[in-house]
């Protein structure tokens, strides 16, 4: 492998983070409903999980949930600073 070749996995997390930022509200709603009912009925969180699947196929839904939580908390924290 030459030095110029890039790891295809390298762009996965930034793409997932961008998706989570763009769809944070919908993903958060899906997580809350999932936790309340025990049944996942959404689509956005599953899309995010599919982006993350190449990183860890056995934990991709948990990784998606964790990423949405992190993005949502960062968004809330930064909105407090703007006031």
Protein backbone atom coordinates (compact mmCIF):
# COMPACT_ATOMS: atom_id res chain seq x y z
CA UNK A 1 0.00 0.00 0.00
CA UNK A 2 1.48 3.32 -1.02
CA UNK A 3 1.52 6.39 1.18
CA UNK A 4 -0.82 8.23 -1.20
CA UNK A 5 -3.66 5.72 -0.81
CA UNK A 6 -6.24 6.68 1.78
CA UNK A 7 -8.15 4.43 4.11
CA UNK A 8 -11.77 4.19 2.87
CA UNK A 9 -12.91 4.02 6.51
CA UNK A 10 -11.42 7.46 7.18
CA UNK A 11 -14.40 9.38 5.76
CA UNK A 12 -17.11 7.33 7.44
CA UNK A 13 -17.19 9.05 10.83
CA UNK A 14 -17.17 12.62 9.42
CA UNK A 15 -20.00 11.64 7.05
CA UNK A 16 -21.95 10.11 9.93
CA UNK A 17 -21.39 13.16 12.11
CA UNK A 18 -22.63 15.44 9.30
CA UNK A 19 -25.72 13.28 8.84
CA UNK A 20 -26.37 13.32 12.59
CA UNK A 21 -26.07 17.11 12.69
CA UNK A 22 -28.45 17.50 9.77
CA UNK A 23 -31.06 15.10 11.19
CA UNK A 24 -30.48 15.42 14.94
CA UNK A 25 -34.05 16.37 15.84
CA UNK A 26 -35.66 13.51 13.88
CA UNK A 27 -33.10 11.00 15.18
CA UNK A 28 -33.65 12.18 18.75
CA UNK A 29 -37.43 11.76 18.36
CA UNK A 30 -36.88 8.23 17.04
CA UNK A 31 -34.60 7.36 19.97
CA UNK A 32 -37.11 8.65 22.52
CA UNK A 33 -40.00 6.75 20.93
CA UNK A 34 -37.84 3.61 20.74
CA UNK A 35 -36.97 3.89 24.42
CA UNK A 36 -40.61 4.46 25.41
CA UNK A 37 -42.13 1.68 23.32
CA UNK A 38 -39.27 -0.76 22.94
CA UNK A 39 -40.04 -0.89 19.23
CA UNK A 40 -37.93 0.95 16.67
CA UNK A 41 -40.14 2.40 13.92
CA UNK A 42 -37.95 5.14 12.50
CA UNK A 43 -35.78 5.53 9.45
CA UNK A 44 -33.26 8.33 10.02
CA UNK A 45 -31.44 6.62 12.89
CA UNK A 46 -31.30 3.45 10.80
CA UNK A 47 -29.81 5.46 7.91
CA UNK A 48 -27.17 6.81 10.27
CA UNK A 49 -26.48 3.31 11.58
CA UNK A 50 -25.98 2.09 8.01
CA UNK A 51 -23.37 4.78 7.47
CA UNK A 52 -21.55 3.54 10.58
CA UNK A 53 -21.97 -0.17 9.83
CA UNK A 54 -18.56 -0.61 8.13
CA UNK A 55 -16.89 0.54 11.35
CA UNK A 56 -18.61 -2.04 13.58
CA UNK A 57 -21.44 -4.11 12.14
CA UNK A 58 -22.38 -5.55 15.53
CA UNK A 59 -22.77 -2.16 17.25
CA UNK A 60 -23.83 0.19 14.48
CA UNK A 61 -27.24 1.08 16.00
CA UNK A 62 -25.67 1.78 19.39
CA UNK A 63 -22.98 3.87 17.71
CA UNK A 64 -25.66 5.86 15.88
CA UNK A 65 -27.59 6.45 19.09
CA UNK A 66 -24.42 7.54 20.89
CA UNK A 67 -23.49 9.92 18.07
CA UNK A 68 -26.95 11.53 18.03
CA UNK A 69 -26.78 11.98 21.81
CA UNK A 70 -23.36 13.62 21.51
CA UNK A 71 -24.47 15.92 18.66
CA UNK A 72 -27.69 16.88 20.48
CA UNK A 73 -25.82 17.70 23.68
CA UNK A 74 -23.28 19.78 21.77
CA UNK A 75 -26.10 21.66 20.05
CA UNK A 76 -27.83 22.38 23.37
CA UNK A 77 -24.61 23.46 25.03
CA UNK A 78 -23.73 25.85 22.21
CA UNK A 79 -27.24 27.39 22.17
CA UNK A 80 -26.83 28.31 25.84
CA UNK A 81 -23.58 30.15 25.03
CA UNK A 82 -25.33 32.22 22.38
CA UNK A 83 -27.79 33.71 24.91
